[in-house]
N, C-alpha and C. Protein backbone atom coordinates (compact mmCIF):
# COMPACT_ATOMS: atom_id res chain seq x y z
N UNK A 1 -4.50 11.46 15.08
CA UNK A 1 -3.09 11.82 15.08
C UNK A 1 -2.26 10.58 14.77
N UNK A 2 -0.99 10.75 14.40
CA UNK A 2 -0.13 9.58 14.19
C UNK A 2 -0.05 8.67 15.42
N UNK A 3 -0.10 9.26 16.61
CA UNK A 3 -0.04 8.44 17.83
C UNK A 3 -1.28 7.56 17.94
N UNK A 4 -2.44 8.13 17.61
CA UNK A 4 -3.67 7.34 17.65
C UNK A 4 -3.63 6.22 16.62
N UNK A 5 -3.07 6.51 15.44
CA UNK A 5 -2.95 5.48 14.42
C UNK A 5 -2.09 4.32 14.93
N UNK A 6 -0.97 4.66 15.56
CA UNK A 6 -0.09 3.62 16.10
C UNK A 6 -0.77 2.84 17.22
N UNK A 7 -1.59 3.52 18.00
CA UNK A 7 -2.34 2.85 19.05
C UNK A 7 -3.31 1.83 18.45
N UNK A 8 -3.95 2.22 17.35
CA UNK A 8 -4.86 1.30 16.67
C UNK A 8 -4.13 0.12 16.06
N UNK A 9 -2.99 0.38 15.42
CA UNK A 9 -2.20 -0.70 14.83
C UNK A 9 -1.72 -1.65 15.91
N UNK A 10 -1.35 -1.11 17.06
CA UNK A 10 -0.91 -1.93 18.18
C UNK A 10 -1.97 -2.95 18.55
N UNK A 11 -3.23 -2.52 18.59
CA UNK A 11 -4.32 -3.44 18.93
C UNK A 11 -4.47 -4.54 17.89
N UNK A 12 -4.18 -4.22 16.63
CA UNK A 12 -4.33 -5.21 15.57
C UNK A 12 -3.27 -6.30 15.64
N UNK A 13 -2.10 -5.97 16.19
CA UNK A 13 -0.99 -6.94 16.14
C UNK A 13 -0.56 -7.47 17.51
N UNK A 14 -1.16 -6.98 18.60
CA UNK A 14 -0.73 -7.43 19.93
C UNK A 14 -1.62 -8.51 20.52
N UNK A 15 -2.47 -9.08 19.68
CA UNK A 15 -3.40 -10.08 20.17
C UNK A 15 -4.81 -9.57 20.29
N UNK A 16 -5.01 -8.27 20.01
CA UNK A 16 -6.36 -7.73 19.98
C UNK A 16 -6.75 -6.79 21.08
N UNK A 17 -5.79 -6.33 21.91
CA UNK A 17 -6.12 -5.46 23.04
C UNK A 17 -5.77 -4.00 22.74
N UNK A 18 -6.73 -3.12 22.99
CA UNK A 18 -6.51 -1.68 22.84
C UNK A 18 -5.80 -1.16 24.08
N UNK A 19 -4.59 -0.66 23.90
CA UNK A 19 -3.77 -0.19 25.01
C UNK A 19 -3.55 1.31 24.91
N UNK A 20 -3.65 1.99 26.03
CA UNK A 20 -3.45 3.44 26.06
C UNK A 20 -2.02 3.79 25.66
N UNK A 21 -1.87 4.67 24.70
CA UNK A 21 -0.55 5.12 24.28
C UNK A 21 -0.05 6.22 25.20
N UNK A 22 1.23 6.21 25.51
CA UNK A 22 1.81 7.23 26.39
C UNK A 22 3.04 7.85 25.72
N UNK A 23 3.33 9.09 26.06
CA UNK A 23 4.49 9.78 25.53
C UNK A 23 5.67 9.75 26.49
N UNK A 24 5.39 9.57 27.77
CA UNK A 24 6.44 9.60 28.79
C UNK A 24 6.76 8.19 29.26
N UNK A 25 8.03 7.82 29.16
CA UNK A 25 8.45 6.51 29.64
C UNK A 25 8.58 6.56 31.16
N UNK A 26 7.85 5.69 31.82
CA UNK A 26 7.86 5.68 33.28
C UNK A 26 7.97 4.25 33.78
N UNK A 27 8.85 4.02 34.72
CA UNK A 27 9.07 2.68 35.24
C UNK A 27 7.78 2.13 35.82
N UNK A 28 7.46 0.92 35.40
CA UNK A 28 6.27 0.26 35.91
C UNK A 28 5.00 0.64 35.18
N UNK A 29 5.09 1.55 34.22
CA UNK A 29 3.90 1.98 33.48
C UNK A 29 3.97 1.48 32.05
N UNK A 30 2.98 0.70 31.66
CA UNK A 30 2.93 0.17 30.30
C UNK A 30 1.70 0.65 29.55
N UNK A 31 0.93 1.53 30.16
CA UNK A 31 -0.31 1.98 29.54
C UNK A 31 -1.46 1.13 30.01
N UNK A 32 -2.62 1.71 30.10
CA UNK A 32 -3.80 0.98 30.56
C UNK A 32 -4.39 0.15 29.43
N UNK A 33 -4.57 -1.14 29.72
CA UNK A 33 -5.22 -2.02 28.75
C UNK A 33 -6.72 -1.83 28.89
N UNK A 34 -7.36 -1.26 27.88
CA UNK A 34 -8.77 -0.93 27.99
C UNK A 34 -9.68 -2.13 27.76
N UNK A 35 -9.60 -2.74 26.59
CA UNK A 35 -10.49 -3.86 26.29
C UNK A 35 -10.00 -4.60 25.05
N UNK A 36 -10.54 -5.80 24.89
CA UNK A 36 -10.25 -6.55 23.67
C UNK A 36 -11.15 -6.03 22.56
N UNK A 37 -10.54 -5.74 21.41
CA UNK A 37 -11.31 -5.20 20.28
C UNK A 37 -11.41 -6.19 19.12
N UNK A 38 -10.46 -7.11 19.02
CA UNK A 38 -10.54 -8.18 18.03
C UNK A 38 -10.01 -9.46 18.67
N UNK A 39 -10.31 -10.59 18.08
CA UNK A 39 -9.87 -11.87 18.64
C UNK A 39 -8.39 -12.09 18.37
N UNK A 40 -7.80 -12.98 19.13
CA UNK A 40 -6.39 -13.33 18.93
C UNK A 40 -6.19 -13.95 17.55
N UNK A 41 -7.16 -14.73 17.09
CA UNK A 41 -7.08 -15.36 15.77
C UNK A 41 -7.05 -14.30 14.68
N UNK A 42 -7.93 -13.30 14.79
CA UNK A 42 -7.96 -12.22 13.80
C UNK A 42 -6.65 -11.44 13.81
N UNK A 43 -6.12 -11.20 15.00
CA UNK A 43 -4.84 -10.49 15.13
C UNK A 43 -3.73 -11.26 14.43
N UNK A 44 -3.73 -12.58 14.58
CA UNK A 44 -2.72 -13.42 13.94
C UNK A 44 -2.83 -13.34 12.42
N UNK A 45 -4.05 -13.36 11.91
CA UNK A 45 -4.27 -13.25 10.46
C UNK A 45 -3.77 -11.90 9.95
N UNK A 46 -4.06 -10.83 10.69
CA UNK A 46 -3.64 -9.50 10.27
C UNK A 46 -2.13 -9.36 10.26
N UNK A 47 -1.45 -9.98 11.22
CA UNK A 47 0.01 -9.95 11.23
C UNK A 47 0.57 -10.62 9.99
N UNK A 48 -0.03 -11.74 9.61
CA UNK A 48 0.42 -12.43 8.40
C UNK A 48 0.16 -11.60 7.15
N UNK A 49 -0.99 -10.94 7.12
CA UNK A 49 -1.31 -10.09 5.97
C UNK A 49 -0.33 -8.92 5.87
N UNK A 50 -0.02 -8.29 7.01
CA UNK A 50 0.91 -7.16 7.01
C UNK A 50 2.31 -7.61 6.60
N UNK A 51 2.67 -8.83 7.00
CA UNK A 51 3.96 -9.36 6.56
C UNK A 51 3.95 -9.58 5.05
N UNK A 52 2.82 -10.06 4.52
CA UNK A 52 2.70 -10.29 3.08
C UNK A 52 2.80 -8.99 2.29
N UNK A 53 2.30 -7.88 2.87
CA UNK A 53 2.41 -6.58 2.21
C UNK A 53 3.87 -6.22 1.96
N UNK A 54 4.72 -6.56 2.93
CA UNK A 54 6.14 -6.24 2.80
C UNK A 54 6.88 -7.28 1.96
N UNK A 55 6.49 -8.53 2.07
CA UNK A 55 7.15 -9.58 1.29
C UNK A 55 6.79 -9.52 -0.19
N UNK A 56 5.51 -9.31 -0.48
CA UNK A 56 5.05 -9.44 -1.86
C UNK A 56 4.34 -8.21 -2.42
N UNK A 57 3.97 -7.26 -1.57
CA UNK A 57 3.11 -6.18 -2.02
C UNK A 57 3.76 -4.82 -2.13
N UNK A 58 2.98 -3.79 -1.83
CA UNK A 58 3.42 -2.41 -2.03
C UNK A 58 4.44 -1.95 -1.00
N UNK A 59 4.67 -2.74 0.04
CA UNK A 59 5.61 -2.34 1.08
C UNK A 59 6.97 -3.00 0.99
N UNK A 60 7.31 -3.54 -0.19
CA UNK A 60 8.58 -4.27 -0.35
C UNK A 60 9.80 -3.45 0.05
N UNK A 61 9.74 -2.15 -0.16
CA UNK A 61 10.91 -1.31 0.11
C UNK A 61 11.14 -1.07 1.60
N UNK A 62 10.24 -1.58 2.44
CA UNK A 62 10.45 -1.50 3.89
C UNK A 62 11.11 -2.76 4.43
N UNK A 63 11.26 -3.76 3.58
CA UNK A 63 11.80 -5.04 4.05
C UNK A 63 13.27 -4.90 4.44
N UNK A 64 13.63 -5.62 5.48
CA UNK A 64 15.01 -5.63 5.97
C UNK A 64 15.47 -7.08 5.97
N UNK A 65 16.47 -7.38 5.17
CA UNK A 65 16.91 -8.76 5.01
C UNK A 65 17.31 -9.38 6.35
N UNK A 66 16.77 -10.55 6.62
CA UNK A 66 17.10 -11.26 7.85
C UNK A 66 16.16 -10.98 9.00
N UNK A 67 15.20 -10.08 8.78
CA UNK A 67 14.28 -9.70 9.86
C UNK A 67 12.84 -9.67 9.32
N UNK A 68 11.91 -9.91 10.22
CA UNK A 68 10.49 -9.95 9.83
C UNK A 68 9.86 -8.58 10.02
N UNK A 69 9.54 -7.93 8.93
CA UNK A 69 8.90 -6.62 8.97
C UNK A 69 7.53 -6.74 8.30
N UNK A 70 6.50 -6.23 8.97
CA UNK A 70 5.17 -6.17 8.38
C UNK A 70 4.75 -4.71 8.27
N UNK A 71 3.70 -4.43 7.53
CA UNK A 71 3.29 -3.03 7.44
C UNK A 71 2.17 -2.79 6.46
N UNK A 72 1.86 -1.51 6.29
CA UNK A 72 0.80 -1.08 5.36
C UNK A 72 1.12 0.30 4.83
N UNK A 73 0.95 0.45 3.52
CA UNK A 73 1.17 1.74 2.88
C UNK A 73 -0.07 2.61 2.99
N UNK A 74 0.14 3.91 2.82
CA UNK A 74 -0.98 4.84 2.80
C UNK A 74 -0.66 6.02 1.90
N UNK A 75 -1.56 6.35 0.98
CA UNK A 75 -1.38 7.49 0.09
C UNK A 75 -2.70 8.23 -0.04
N UNK A 76 -2.71 9.51 0.30
CA UNK A 76 -3.94 10.30 0.24
C UNK A 76 -3.69 11.61 -0.48
N UNK A 77 -4.63 12.00 -1.33
CA UNK A 77 -4.56 13.29 -2.00
C UNK A 77 -5.08 14.37 -1.07
N UNK A 78 -4.40 15.52 -1.05
CA UNK A 78 -4.82 16.62 -0.18
C UNK A 78 -5.96 17.42 -0.84
N UNK A 79 -6.82 18.01 -0.03
CA UNK A 79 -7.91 18.82 -0.59
C UNK A 79 -7.36 20.00 -1.38
N UNK A 80 -8.05 20.34 -2.44
CA UNK A 80 -7.67 21.49 -3.26
C UNK A 80 -8.39 22.72 -2.71
N UNK A 81 -7.63 23.70 -2.25
CA UNK A 81 -8.21 24.90 -1.64
C UNK A 81 -8.82 25.86 -2.65
N UNK A 82 -8.49 25.68 -3.92
CA UNK A 82 -9.00 26.57 -4.96
C UNK A 82 -10.14 25.91 -5.74
N UNK A 83 -9.88 24.72 -6.22
CA UNK A 83 -10.90 23.98 -6.95
C UNK A 83 -11.58 22.98 -6.01
N UNK A 84 -12.73 22.52 -6.38
CA UNK A 84 -13.42 21.52 -5.59
C UNK A 84 -12.74 20.16 -5.76
N UNK A 85 -12.77 19.36 -4.71
CA UNK A 85 -12.19 18.02 -4.81
C UNK A 85 -10.80 17.95 -4.23
N UNK A 86 -9.96 17.13 -4.85
CA UNK A 86 -8.63 16.88 -4.32
C UNK A 86 -7.57 17.16 -5.37
N UNK A 87 -6.36 17.43 -4.88
CA UNK A 87 -5.24 17.75 -5.76
C UNK A 87 -4.35 16.52 -5.88
N UNK A 88 -4.35 15.91 -7.06
CA UNK A 88 -3.58 14.68 -7.26
C UNK A 88 -2.08 14.91 -7.21
N UNK A 89 -1.66 16.16 -7.29
CA UNK A 89 -0.23 16.47 -7.24
C UNK A 89 0.30 16.74 -5.85
N UNK A 90 -0.60 16.79 -4.86
CA UNK A 90 -0.19 17.03 -3.48
C UNK A 90 -0.65 15.86 -2.61
N UNK A 91 0.32 15.08 -2.15
CA UNK A 91 0.01 13.84 -1.44
C UNK A 91 0.47 13.86 0.01
N UNK A 92 -0.22 13.08 0.81
CA UNK A 92 0.27 12.69 2.13
C UNK A 92 0.60 11.21 2.00
N UNK A 93 1.87 10.89 1.99
CA UNK A 93 2.31 9.52 1.77
C UNK A 93 2.87 8.94 3.05
N UNK A 94 2.42 7.74 3.40
CA UNK A 94 2.83 7.18 4.68
C UNK A 94 3.07 5.68 4.61
N UNK A 95 3.72 5.19 5.64
CA UNK A 95 3.89 3.75 5.83
C UNK A 95 4.00 3.49 7.32
N UNK A 96 3.26 2.47 7.77
CA UNK A 96 3.38 2.05 9.16
C UNK A 96 3.96 0.64 9.17
N UNK A 97 5.04 0.46 9.91
CA UNK A 97 5.70 -0.84 9.98
C UNK A 97 5.63 -1.43 11.37
N UNK A 98 5.47 -2.74 11.44
CA UNK A 98 5.51 -3.45 12.72
C UNK A 98 6.68 -4.42 12.67
N UNK A 99 7.37 -4.54 13.80
CA UNK A 99 8.62 -5.30 13.80
C UNK A 99 8.93 -5.83 15.19
N UNK A 100 9.33 -7.10 15.32
CA UNK A 100 9.24 -8.18 14.35
C UNK A 100 7.78 -8.56 14.13
N UNK A 101 7.40 -8.89 12.93
CA UNK A 101 5.98 -9.07 12.63
C UNK A 101 5.37 -10.29 13.30
N UNK A 102 6.19 -11.29 13.65
CA UNK A 102 5.62 -12.46 14.32
C UNK A 102 5.36 -12.20 15.80
N UNK A 103 6.19 -11.37 16.43
CA UNK A 103 6.01 -10.96 17.83
C UNK A 103 6.35 -9.47 17.93
N UNK A 104 5.45 -8.61 17.49
CA UNK A 104 5.76 -7.17 17.38
C UNK A 104 6.20 -6.52 18.69
N UNK A 105 7.27 -5.75 18.57
CA UNK A 105 7.79 -4.98 19.69
C UNK A 105 7.83 -3.49 19.35
N UNK A 106 7.97 -3.18 18.07
CA UNK A 106 8.06 -1.79 17.63
C UNK A 106 7.03 -1.50 16.54
N UNK A 107 6.50 -0.29 16.58
CA UNK A 107 5.69 0.25 15.48
C UNK A 107 6.38 1.52 15.01
N UNK A 108 6.68 1.57 13.72
CA UNK A 108 7.36 2.73 13.13
C UNK A 108 6.43 3.35 12.09
N UNK A 109 6.07 4.61 12.31
CA UNK A 109 5.16 5.29 11.38
C UNK A 109 5.86 6.50 10.78
N UNK A 110 5.86 6.58 9.47
CA UNK A 110 6.46 7.71 8.75
C UNK A 110 5.42 8.29 7.80
N UNK A 111 5.21 9.61 7.88
CA UNK A 111 4.30 10.29 6.96
C UNK A 111 5.01 11.49 6.35
N UNK A 112 4.98 11.60 5.04
CA UNK A 112 5.64 12.68 4.32
C UNK A 112 4.59 13.59 3.70
N UNK A 113 4.74 14.88 3.91
CA UNK A 113 3.80 15.88 3.41
C UNK A 113 4.27 16.41 2.06
N UNK A 114 3.51 16.12 1.03
CA UNK A 114 3.79 16.56 -0.34
C UNK A 114 5.19 16.15 -0.82
N UNK A 115 5.51 14.86 -0.74
CA UNK A 115 6.80 14.41 -1.26
C UNK A 115 6.82 14.51 -2.78
N UNK A 116 8.01 14.58 -3.34
CA UNK A 116 8.16 14.67 -4.78
C UNK A 116 8.86 13.42 -5.31
N UNK A 117 8.34 12.89 -6.39
CA UNK A 117 8.99 11.75 -7.01
C UNK A 117 10.31 12.15 -7.65
N UNK A 118 11.27 11.25 -7.58
CA UNK A 118 12.59 11.51 -8.17
C UNK A 118 12.94 10.37 -9.13
N UNK A 119 14.10 10.44 -9.71
CA UNK A 119 14.49 9.46 -10.72
C UNK A 119 14.48 8.05 -10.15
N UNK A 120 14.99 7.88 -8.92
CA UNK A 120 15.07 6.54 -8.33
C UNK A 120 13.71 5.96 -7.98
N UNK A 121 12.68 6.82 -7.88
CA UNK A 121 11.32 6.33 -7.60
C UNK A 121 10.46 6.37 -8.86
N UNK A 122 11.12 6.61 -10.01
CA UNK A 122 10.43 6.67 -11.30
C UNK A 122 9.33 7.73 -11.30
N UNK A 123 9.58 8.80 -10.54
CA UNK A 123 8.64 9.90 -10.47
C UNK A 123 7.46 9.68 -9.54
N UNK A 124 7.44 8.53 -8.89
CA UNK A 124 6.32 8.20 -7.99
C UNK A 124 6.58 8.77 -6.59
N UNK A 125 5.51 9.17 -5.91
CA UNK A 125 5.64 9.74 -4.56
C UNK A 125 4.64 9.11 -3.60
N UNK A 126 4.22 7.89 -3.89
CA UNK A 126 3.26 7.20 -3.02
C UNK A 126 3.96 6.61 -1.80
N UNK A 127 3.16 6.15 -0.84
CA UNK A 127 3.71 5.64 0.41
C UNK A 127 4.71 4.52 0.23
N UNK A 128 4.43 3.61 -0.70
CA UNK A 128 5.33 2.48 -0.92
C UNK A 128 6.67 2.88 -1.49
N UNK A 129 6.71 4.01 -2.20
CA UNK A 129 7.96 4.45 -2.83
C UNK A 129 8.77 5.39 -1.96
N UNK A 130 8.14 6.21 -1.15
CA UNK A 130 8.90 7.23 -0.41
C UNK A 130 8.90 7.03 1.11
N UNK A 131 7.82 6.50 1.67
CA UNK A 131 7.76 6.34 3.13
C UNK A 131 8.26 4.97 3.57
N UNK A 132 7.94 3.93 2.80
CA UNK A 132 8.36 2.57 3.16
C UNK A 132 9.88 2.44 3.27
N UNK A 133 10.68 2.99 2.33
CA UNK A 133 12.13 2.89 2.47
C UNK A 133 12.65 3.56 3.75
N UNK A 134 12.02 4.66 4.15
CA UNK A 134 12.43 5.36 5.37
C UNK A 134 12.18 4.49 6.59
N UNK A 135 11.03 3.82 6.62
CA UNK A 135 10.74 2.91 7.73
C UNK A 135 11.77 1.79 7.77
N UNK A 136 12.11 1.25 6.60
CA UNK A 136 13.12 0.20 6.54
C UNK A 136 14.45 0.67 7.10
N UNK A 137 14.86 1.90 6.76
CA UNK A 137 16.13 2.44 7.27
C UNK A 137 16.10 2.63 8.78
N UNK A 138 14.96 3.07 9.31
CA UNK A 138 14.82 3.24 10.76
C UNK A 138 14.94 1.89 11.46
N UNK A 139 14.29 0.87 10.91
CA UNK A 139 14.35 -0.46 11.51
C UNK A 139 15.78 -1.00 11.48
N UNK A 140 16.52 -0.72 10.43
CA UNK A 140 17.93 -1.15 10.38
C UNK A 140 18.73 -0.53 11.52
N UNK A 141 18.42 0.72 11.85
CA UNK A 141 19.11 1.37 12.96
C UNK A 141 18.68 0.77 14.31
N UNK A 142 17.40 0.42 14.43
CA UNK A 142 16.91 -0.22 15.66
C UNK A 142 17.65 -1.54 15.87
N UNK A 143 17.81 -2.29 14.80
CA UNK A 143 18.51 -3.58 14.87
C UNK A 143 19.94 -3.39 15.36
N UNK A 144 20.62 -2.38 14.82
CA UNK A 144 22.02 -2.13 15.20
C UNK A 144 22.12 -1.67 16.65
N UNK A 145 21.28 -0.70 17.03
CA UNK A 145 21.33 -0.14 18.38
C UNK A 145 21.05 -1.21 19.44
N UNK A 146 20.10 -2.09 19.16
CA UNK A 146 19.72 -3.11 20.14
C UNK A 146 20.46 -4.43 19.97
N UNK A 147 21.32 -4.50 18.97
CA UNK A 147 22.09 -5.72 18.76
C UNK A 147 21.20 -6.94 18.53
N UNK A 148 20.16 -6.76 17.73
CA UNK A 148 19.19 -7.84 17.51
C UNK A 148 19.70 -8.84 16.48
N UNK A 149 19.64 -10.11 16.84
CA UNK A 149 20.09 -11.17 15.95
C UNK A 149 19.09 -11.36 14.81
N UNK A 150 19.56 -11.82 13.65
CA UNK A 150 18.64 -12.07 12.53
C UNK A 150 17.57 -13.08 12.88
N UNK A 151 16.49 -13.04 12.15
CA UNK A 151 15.36 -13.93 12.37
C UNK A 151 15.74 -15.38 12.09
N UNK A 152 15.25 -16.28 12.96
CA UNK A 152 15.51 -17.70 12.79
C UNK A 152 14.27 -18.45 12.30
N UNK A 153 13.19 -17.73 12.07
CA UNK A 153 11.95 -18.34 11.60
C UNK A 153 12.00 -18.47 10.08
N UNK A 154 11.78 -19.67 9.57
CA UNK A 154 11.78 -19.88 8.13
C UNK A 154 10.40 -19.56 7.57
N UNK A 155 10.37 -18.79 6.49
CA UNK A 155 9.11 -18.41 5.87
C UNK A 155 8.86 -19.25 4.63
N UNK A 156 7.62 -19.67 4.48
CA UNK A 156 7.24 -20.49 3.33
C UNK A 156 7.34 -19.66 2.06
N UNK A 157 7.92 -20.26 1.02
CA UNK A 157 7.99 -19.60 -0.27
C UNK A 157 6.71 -19.89 -1.03
N UNK A 158 6.01 -18.83 -1.45
CA UNK A 158 4.75 -19.00 -2.17
C UNK A 158 4.98 -19.16 -3.66
N UNK A 159 4.21 -20.07 -4.25
CA UNK A 159 4.23 -20.29 -5.68
C UNK A 159 2.86 -19.97 -6.26
N UNK A 160 2.77 -19.71 -7.57
CA UNK A 160 1.45 -19.46 -8.16
C UNK A 160 0.47 -20.58 -7.83
N UNK A 161 -0.71 -20.20 -7.33
CA UNK A 161 -1.72 -21.18 -6.96
C UNK A 161 -1.79 -21.46 -5.48
N UNK A 162 -0.78 -21.02 -4.71
CA UNK A 162 -0.81 -21.23 -3.26
C UNK A 162 -1.80 -20.28 -2.61
N UNK A 163 -2.51 -20.72 -1.56
CA UNK A 163 -3.44 -19.82 -0.84
C UNK A 163 -2.70 -18.64 -0.24
N UNK A 164 -3.28 -17.45 -0.36
CA UNK A 164 -2.68 -16.25 0.22
C UNK A 164 -3.26 -15.93 1.59
N UNK A 165 -4.50 -16.34 1.85
CA UNK A 165 -5.10 -16.04 3.14
C UNK A 165 -6.24 -17.01 3.39
N UNK A 166 -6.78 -17.01 4.58
CA UNK A 166 -7.88 -17.89 4.94
C UNK A 166 -9.15 -17.42 4.25
N UNK A 167 -9.81 -18.33 3.57
CA UNK A 167 -11.02 -17.97 2.83
C UNK A 167 -12.15 -17.62 3.79
N UNK A 168 -12.69 -16.39 3.72
CA UNK A 168 -13.76 -15.99 4.63
C UNK A 168 -15.11 -16.55 4.21
N UNK A 169 -16.09 -16.43 5.06
CA UNK A 169 -17.44 -16.87 4.74
C UNK A 169 -18.00 -15.96 3.64
N UNK A 170 -18.80 -16.51 2.78
CA UNK A 170 -19.44 -15.70 1.73
C UNK A 170 -20.50 -14.82 2.37
N UNK A 171 -20.40 -13.53 2.09
CA UNK A 171 -21.34 -12.59 2.70
C UNK A 171 -22.37 -12.06 1.71
N UNK A 172 -22.19 -12.40 0.44
CA UNK A 172 -23.17 -12.01 -0.56
C UNK A 172 -23.44 -13.19 -1.49
N UNK A 173 -24.65 -13.25 -1.99
CA UNK A 173 -25.02 -14.31 -2.91
C UNK A 173 -24.20 -14.20 -4.20
N UNK A 174 -23.64 -15.33 -4.61
CA UNK A 174 -22.85 -15.43 -5.84
C UNK A 174 -21.55 -14.64 -5.80
N UNK A 175 -21.11 -14.20 -4.60
CA UNK A 175 -19.86 -13.44 -4.52
C UNK A 175 -18.68 -14.41 -4.62
N UNK A 176 -17.75 -14.11 -5.49
CA UNK A 176 -16.57 -14.96 -5.64
C UNK A 176 -15.46 -14.43 -4.75
N UNK A 177 -14.79 -15.34 -4.08
CA UNK A 177 -13.68 -14.98 -3.21
C UNK A 177 -12.37 -15.36 -3.89
N UNK A 178 -11.50 -14.38 -4.07
CA UNK A 178 -10.20 -14.63 -4.68
C UNK A 178 -9.22 -15.00 -3.58
N UNK A 179 -8.67 -16.19 -3.63
CA UNK A 179 -7.74 -16.60 -2.59
C UNK A 179 -6.52 -17.30 -3.16
N UNK A 180 -6.18 -16.96 -4.40
CA UNK A 180 -5.04 -17.60 -5.03
C UNK A 180 -4.10 -16.55 -5.61
N UNK A 181 -2.81 -16.91 -5.65
CA UNK A 181 -1.88 -16.09 -6.42
C UNK A 181 -1.76 -16.75 -7.78
N UNK A 182 -1.20 -16.07 -8.73
CA UNK A 182 -1.06 -16.68 -10.04
C UNK A 182 -1.11 -15.64 -11.14
N UNK A 183 -1.12 -16.09 -12.37
CA UNK A 183 -1.09 -15.15 -13.49
C UNK A 183 -2.46 -15.01 -14.12
N UNK A 184 -2.68 -15.65 -15.27
CA UNK A 184 -3.92 -15.43 -16.02
C UNK A 184 -5.16 -15.85 -15.24
N UNK A 185 -5.10 -16.96 -14.52
CA UNK A 185 -6.26 -17.42 -13.75
C UNK A 185 -6.67 -16.37 -12.72
N UNK A 186 -5.67 -15.81 -12.05
CA UNK A 186 -5.95 -14.78 -11.04
C UNK A 186 -6.62 -13.57 -11.68
N UNK A 187 -6.10 -13.14 -12.83
CA UNK A 187 -6.66 -11.96 -13.50
C UNK A 187 -8.10 -12.21 -13.93
N UNK A 188 -8.38 -13.41 -14.45
CA UNK A 188 -9.75 -13.72 -14.86
C UNK A 188 -10.70 -13.73 -13.68
N UNK A 189 -10.25 -14.31 -12.55
CA UNK A 189 -11.09 -14.34 -11.36
C UNK A 189 -11.34 -12.92 -10.85
N UNK A 190 -10.31 -12.09 -10.93
CA UNK A 190 -10.45 -10.71 -10.47
C UNK A 190 -11.47 -9.96 -11.31
N UNK A 191 -11.41 -10.13 -12.64
CA UNK A 191 -12.35 -9.45 -13.52
C UNK A 191 -13.79 -9.90 -13.24
N UNK A 192 -13.97 -11.22 -13.07
CA UNK A 192 -15.31 -11.75 -12.76
C UNK A 192 -15.81 -11.21 -11.44
N UNK A 193 -14.89 -11.16 -10.46
CA UNK A 193 -15.24 -10.67 -9.13
C UNK A 193 -15.70 -9.22 -9.18
N UNK A 194 -14.96 -8.39 -9.92
CA UNK A 194 -15.28 -6.97 -9.99
C UNK A 194 -16.58 -6.73 -10.77
N UNK A 195 -16.84 -7.55 -11.79
CA UNK A 195 -18.10 -7.41 -12.53
C UNK A 195 -19.29 -7.66 -11.61
N UNK A 196 -19.19 -8.71 -10.80
CA UNK A 196 -20.29 -9.04 -9.90
C UNK A 196 -20.45 -7.99 -8.82
N UNK A 197 -19.31 -7.47 -8.32
CA UNK A 197 -19.37 -6.43 -7.30
C UNK A 197 -20.04 -5.18 -7.85
N UNK A 198 -19.77 -4.85 -9.13
CA UNK A 198 -20.37 -3.67 -9.74
C UNK A 198 -21.88 -3.84 -9.87
N UNK A 199 -22.32 -5.03 -10.28
CA UNK A 199 -23.75 -5.30 -10.42
C UNK A 199 -24.47 -5.20 -9.08
N UNK A 200 -23.74 -5.56 -8.01
CA UNK A 200 -24.34 -5.53 -6.68
C UNK A 200 -24.23 -4.16 -6.03
N UNK A 201 -23.71 -3.18 -6.76
CA UNK A 201 -23.61 -1.83 -6.22
C UNK A 201 -22.33 -1.58 -5.47
N UNK A 202 -21.31 -2.42 -5.71
CA UNK A 202 -20.04 -2.23 -5.03
C UNK A 202 -19.19 -1.19 -5.75
N UNK A 203 -17.91 -1.16 -5.42
CA UNK A 203 -17.01 -0.19 -6.04
C UNK A 203 -16.81 -0.51 -7.51
N UNK A 204 -16.76 0.52 -8.33
CA UNK A 204 -16.50 0.34 -9.74
C UNK A 204 -15.00 0.50 -9.96
N UNK A 205 -14.35 -0.59 -10.36
CA UNK A 205 -12.91 -0.59 -10.55
C UNK A 205 -12.59 -1.06 -11.94
N UNK A 206 -11.76 -0.33 -12.64
CA UNK A 206 -11.37 -0.73 -13.98
C UNK A 206 -10.16 -1.64 -13.91
N UNK A 207 -10.19 -2.71 -14.67
CA UNK A 207 -9.07 -3.65 -14.74
C UNK A 207 -8.47 -3.58 -16.12
N UNK A 208 -7.21 -3.17 -16.21
CA UNK A 208 -6.57 -3.07 -17.52
C UNK A 208 -6.01 -4.42 -17.93
């Protein structure tokens, strides 16, 4: 359910603890902390990645100027009840936002059932185009209602060639790890990476 999804996201950004989600606000009750599921270091990395999704990636339309918003888009095709497989014209489009992303206090999840693309979305109906803006608007209202001051944390401006994330350990022989932003160099590395992944039985992805 959406509540379970938010419970899982909470564990990813709260330092790594799975906390029981509740529907009823009760004084002195914050939910039972069950167990640690990821390390604090991993949680910190995930918060930075989710912030990058909103700063540079598919979640840009959820960004709120002056505030740190992180998140992740989601777009799924619904099963086709007549033909086998899925219907590309019927989507479940979603976005989950965490705010403030450096010290999360709120999780906002929006899912739209079979949204339709319009002129302002260039006909697109994916999570980044239709659900992310709604999350951004909700966060703007949260800011107003709670009288929250703008963020005072300065964010580093990334340039082509700057590291995007911590380079993980190599888990396959000859596997290339892409950890740079940039133009042609990035594209060449991506093509080489996907070729090797295909030979090793990984996902087959076409690069235009």
